[in-house]
Amino acid sequence: MRQWMTAALWPALVLPALAGDPLAEGRRIFTELAQPSCSLCHTLNDAGSAGQIGPNLDELRPTAEQVGKAVSGGVGIMPPFADSLSPEQISAVAAYVAGVAGS
């Protein structure tokens, strides 16, 4: 029975790893892909950024939904990124920020 369970669970355990690391992709979008870079304006320890223009995300600790809305539509002086990032990229950066902020 144990071998059957292991074999049955294998795809569920391996396929996400084959698809890539979503947090790593979110970090790449935060630090490199978004233009201007999120790290230019925001402080986020995990990303190694110390921006002083936008809020400190480690202190703010936003939810993925809050980040997604801000990235998509912009907020304050932050421009919207809906035209330059795909919905999947916005979701990835939102999950990343929400997952690492304050750590």
Protein backbone atom coordinates (compact mmCIF):
# COMPACT_ATOMS: atom_id res chain seq x y z
CA MET A 1 0.00 0.00 0.00
CA ARG A 2 2.81 2.42 0.86
CA GLN A 3 4.43 2.03 -2.59
CA TRP A 4 1.10 2.74 -4.29
CA MET A 5 0.61 5.92 -2.26
CA THR A 6 4.12 7.11 -3.03
CA ALA A 7 3.69 6.44 -6.75
CA ALA A 8 0.28 8.14 -6.77
CA LEU A 9 1.60 11.25 -5.03
CA TRP A 10 4.74 11.57 -7.14
CA PRO A 11 3.21 13.75 -9.91
CA ALA A 12 1.69 16.15 -7.39
CA LEU A 13 5.07 16.55 -5.70
CA VAL A 14 7.26 16.77 -8.80
CA LEU A 15 5.21 18.74 -11.34
CA PRO A 16 5.28 22.04 -9.41
CA ALA A 17 9.07 21.81 -9.17
CA LEU A 18 9.32 21.19 -12.92
CA ALA A 19 7.18 24.25 -13.62
CA GLY A 20 9.73 26.47 -11.88
CA ASP A 21 9.86 28.23 -8.57
CA PRO A 22 7.04 30.80 -8.43
CA LEU A 23 8.73 32.79 -5.65
CA ALA A 24 11.95 32.96 -7.66
CA GLU A 25 10.00 34.20 -10.68
CA GLY A 26 8.23 36.80 -8.53
CA ARG A 27 11.59 37.96 -7.19
CA ARG A 28 12.97 38.25 -10.73
CA ILE A 29 9.98 40.36 -11.76
CA PHE A 30 10.39 42.56 -8.66
CA THR A 31 14.13 43.11 -9.14
CA GLU A 32 14.64 42.94 -12.91
CA LEU A 33 11.67 42.56 -15.21
CA ALA A 34 9.28 45.31 -14.11
CA GLN A 35 10.31 48.66 -15.55
CA PRO A 36 10.88 50.72 -13.58
CA SER A 37 12.06 48.06 -11.18
CA CYS A 38 10.02 47.63 -8.00
CA SER A 39 13.31 47.59 -6.08
CA LEU A 40 14.04 51.13 -7.21
CA CYS A 41 11.21 52.49 -5.06
CA HIS A 42 10.46 49.86 -2.41
CA THR A 43 12.37 48.36 0.48
CA LEU A 44 12.09 44.57 0.61
CA ASN A 45 14.82 42.71 2.48
CA ASP A 46 14.46 39.45 0.55
CA ALA A 47 15.03 41.32 -2.72
CA GLY A 48 17.98 43.26 -1.33
CA SER A 49 16.24 46.53 -2.11
CA ALA A 50 16.25 49.72 -0.05
CA GLY A 51 14.10 52.11 -2.08
CA GLN A 52 12.86 55.21 -0.30
CA ILE A 53 10.14 56.44 -2.69
CA GLY A 54 7.40 53.89 -2.07
CA PRO A 55 6.35 52.21 1.15
CA ASN A 56 8.66 49.79 2.94
CA LEU A 57 7.01 46.48 2.05
CA ASP A 58 8.62 44.67 5.00
CA GLU A 59 6.83 47.07 7.35
CA LEU A 60 3.58 47.23 5.35
CA ARG A 61 3.30 43.44 4.88
CA PRO A 62 0.65 43.64 2.16
CA THR A 63 -1.51 40.71 1.07
CA ALA A 64 -1.13 39.24 -2.41
CA GLU A 65 -4.47 40.81 -3.33
CA GLN A 66 -3.29 44.26 -2.23
CA VAL A 67 -0.04 43.92 -4.18
CA GLY A 68 -1.83 42.63 -7.26
CA LYS A 69 -4.23 45.58 -7.28
CA ALA A 70 -1.41 48.10 -6.77
CA VAL A 71 0.77 46.57 -9.47
CA SER A 72 -2.09 46.28 -11.95
CA GLY A 73 -3.64 49.70 -11.52
CA GLY A 74 -0.96 51.76 -9.83
CA VAL A 75 -1.41 53.72 -6.62
CA GLY A 76 -0.28 57.25 -5.77
CA ILE A 77 2.83 57.99 -7.82
CA MET A 78 3.33 54.28 -8.62
CA PRO A 79 2.49 53.64 -12.27
CA PRO A 80 0.22 50.80 -13.38
CA PHE A 81 1.97 47.75 -14.79
CA ALA A 82 -1.07 46.04 -16.37
CA ASP A 83 0.15 47.01 -19.85
CA SER A 84 3.73 45.85 -19.35
CA LEU A 85 3.32 42.71 -17.18
CA SER A 86 1.06 39.76 -17.90
CA PRO A 87 -1.61 38.73 -15.38
CA GLU A 88 0.57 35.72 -14.53
CA GLN A 89 3.57 37.96 -13.87
CA ILE A 90 1.48 40.25 -11.69
CA SER A 91 0.23 37.23 -9.73
CA ALA A 92 3.79 35.95 -9.32
CA VAL A 93 5.16 39.24 -8.01
CA ALA A 94 2.13 39.66 -5.74
CA ALA A 95 2.62 36.17 -4.26
CA TYR A 96 6.33 36.83 -3.85
CA VAL A 97 5.93 40.14 -2.02
CA ALA A 98 3.15 38.81 0.21
CA GLY A 99 5.17 35.69 0.92
CA VAL A 100 8.44 37.34 1.92
CA ALA A 101 7.51 40.77 3.27
CA GLY A 102 8.54 41.09 6.89
CA SER A 103 10.78 38.03 6.85
